Amino acid sequence: MTYVVTEACIRCKYMDCVEVCPVDCFYVGENMLVIHPDECIDCGVCEPECPAEAILPDTEERAAQWVEFNRKYAQSWPNITRKGEPPPDADDWKGKEGKMAFFSEKPGHP
């Protein structure tokens, strides 16, 4: 089992989860984070820290599709180990549906 970041993170990118991860398995894109599924130790401490409720265990049906997505971008985006500033409009995007249309493949800055 692993945890994954889902579409709910797009344009929110709060990064509270990064601070609590004991194995530093978060990777940062321009407008979202991902978890490297091969590095995650399944501790679950990140899940309750996410204000956007974007982190789920891969055992949940709606999370299964995100495992390979997270793996793909974790292999090309930089690792992030400290919380940064979320986008100024993060709260405006929290809870919105259909955010995949706004996804950016560009790497972020740790």
Protein backbone atom coordinates (compact mmCIF):
# COMPACT_ATOMS: atom_id res chain seq x y z
CA MET A 1 0.00 0.00 0.00
CA THR A 2 1.01 3.59 -0.60
CA TYR A 3 -0.54 7.01 -0.35
CA VAL A 4 -1.13 9.15 -3.43
CA VAL A 5 -1.86 12.76 -4.19
CA THR A 6 -4.95 13.31 -6.31
CA GLU A 7 -6.37 16.03 -8.53
CA ALA A 8 -7.63 17.91 -5.47
CA CYS A 9 -4.06 19.21 -4.94
CA ILE A 10 -3.91 21.02 -8.28
CA ARG A 11 -3.66 24.79 -7.79
CA CYS A 12 -3.97 24.37 -4.01
CA LYS A 13 -0.54 22.89 -3.21
CA TYR A 14 -0.70 23.71 0.49
CA MET A 15 2.37 21.58 1.34
CA ASP A 16 1.45 20.91 5.00
CA CYS A 17 2.00 17.23 4.18
CA VAL A 18 5.66 17.75 3.31
CA GLU A 19 6.62 18.80 6.84
CA VAL A 20 5.35 15.61 8.47
CA CYS A 21 6.67 13.01 6.01
CA PRO A 22 9.34 10.93 7.78
CA VAL A 23 10.86 9.64 4.53
CA ASP A 24 10.73 12.77 2.33
CA CYS A 25 8.79 11.08 -0.48
CA PHE A 26 7.07 14.22 -1.82
CA TYR A 27 7.97 15.74 -5.17
CA VAL A 28 6.96 19.17 -6.36
CA GLY A 29 5.45 20.28 -9.62
CA GLU A 30 4.53 23.76 -10.72
CA ASN A 31 1.00 23.50 -9.31
CA MET A 32 0.75 20.24 -7.32
CA LEU A 33 2.69 17.68 -5.32
CA VAL A 34 3.03 13.92 -5.79
CA ILE A 35 4.18 11.06 -3.58
CA HIS A 36 6.70 8.55 -4.88
CA PRO A 37 4.81 5.28 -4.32
CA ASP A 38 8.03 3.26 -4.06
CA GLU A 39 9.38 5.51 -1.29
CA CYS A 40 6.20 5.93 0.76
CA ILE A 41 6.24 3.77 3.90
CA ASP A 42 2.46 3.87 4.29
CA CYS A 43 2.55 5.62 7.64
CA GLY A 44 -0.40 7.86 6.75
CA VAL A 45 0.71 10.93 8.70
CA CYS A 46 0.38 13.11 5.60
CA GLU A 47 -3.28 12.34 4.90
CA PRO A 48 -4.86 14.30 7.79
CA GLU A 49 -2.49 17.24 7.22
CA CYS A 50 -3.84 18.03 3.75
CA PRO A 51 -6.37 20.91 3.87
CA ALA A 52 -7.54 20.01 0.35
CA GLU A 53 -8.08 16.33 1.27
CA ALA A 54 -5.99 15.43 -1.78
CA ILE A 55 -4.08 12.52 -0.20
CA LEU A 56 -5.61 9.06 -0.16
CA PRO A 57 -4.42 5.49 0.42
CA ASP A 58 -4.21 3.57 -2.83
CA THR A 59 -6.65 1.04 -1.40
CA GLU A 60 -9.49 3.50 -1.95
CA GLU A 61 -11.13 2.91 -5.31
CA ARG A 62 -10.85 6.53 -6.43
CA ALA A 63 -7.14 6.62 -5.56
CA ALA A 64 -5.98 3.58 -7.55
CA GLN A 65 -5.74 5.52 -10.82
CA TRP A 66 -3.31 7.99 -9.21
CA VAL A 67 -0.52 5.54 -8.34
CA GLU A 68 1.12 5.58 -11.77
CA PHE A 69 0.48 9.30 -12.14
CA ASN A 70 2.33 9.94 -8.87
CA ARG A 71 5.16 7.58 -9.86
CA LYS A 72 5.61 9.23 -13.26
CA TYR A 73 5.98 12.76 -11.94
CA ALA A 74 7.98 11.76 -8.84
CA GLN A 75 10.62 10.47 -11.24
CA SER A 76 11.00 13.82 -13.01
CA TRP A 77 10.09 16.50 -10.45
CA PRO A 78 12.42 17.63 -7.66
CA ASN A 79 12.11 16.26 -4.15
CA ILE A 80 10.66 18.65 -1.58
CA THR A 81 11.39 18.34 2.13
CA ARG A 82 10.15 21.64 3.57
CA LYS A 83 6.84 23.39 3.40
CA GLY A 84 6.77 26.37 1.08
CA GLU A 85 4.16 29.04 0.51
CA PRO A 86 0.97 27.85 -1.16
CA PRO A 87 -0.29 29.80 -4.15
CA PRO A 88 -2.03 33.04 -3.11
CA ASP A 89 -5.32 31.79 -4.57
CA ALA A 90 -5.10 28.27 -3.07
CA ASP A 91 -8.23 28.72 -0.96
CA ASP A 92 -10.20 29.74 -4.07
CA TRP A 93 -9.35 26.38 -5.68
CA LYS A 94 -9.95 24.19 -2.64
CA GLY A 95 -12.81 21.78 -3.25
CA LYS A 96 -13.31 22.63 -6.94
CA GLU A 97 -14.01 19.81 -9.37
CA GLY A 98 -12.39 19.28 -12.77
CA LYS A 99 -9.00 20.67 -11.85
CA MET A 100 -7.09 18.25 -14.10
CA ALA A 101 -7.60 20.75 -16.95
CA PHE A 102 -5.28 23.09 -15.02
CA PHE A 103 -2.54 20.52 -14.32
CA SER A 104 1.00 21.54 -15.29
CA GLU A 105 3.67 18.95 -16.09
CA LYS A 106 6.38 21.51 -15.32
CA PRO A 107 8.57 20.86 -12.27
CA GLY A 108 8.26 23.12 -9.27
CA HIS A 109 10.91 24.57 -6.98
CA PRO A 110 11.72 22.90 -3.68
